[in-house]
Amino acid sequence: MFANIYRQHSERTANLKQKQEKTRKEFLNSSDQFTRHVIDRLNDDVAECYVNEKKIDTATKQLTNQSTVLVKQSQAWIQLIDQFTTAVKELGDVENWSKIIEKECLTITSALTNVHKDLTIQ
């Protein structure tokens, strides 16, 4: 009788151990699959971030190059405008100088005319 009870107990214990081992293996397999799925999903996100980072780097380099070109063009335009402004000022100076010369010539002509009149009157 005790032997029979002991045998039944041993069989139940062995069955429980087998079920527990089977459940443990299923859990490990399931957790392994879950972990792989999560890692794959994270890797996809990381790969997408990496691709986006490369695109941003490329765009940044292009923008930097374009900005450099724009700065050089702006500096060239500023130099041209400065040269143009200087030329306009010089033209203004020439015009002013020519008006002064014209007035002086008129003054000299008037003085010579007066001298000539004075000489002819005497």
Foldseek 3Di string as FASTA:
>chain_A
DVVVVVVVVVVVVVVVVVVVVVVVVVVVVVVVVVVVVVVVVVVVVVVVVVVVVVVVVVVVVVVVVVVVVVVVVVVVVVVVVVVVVVVVVVVVVVVVVVVVVVVVVVVVVVVVVVVVVVVVVD
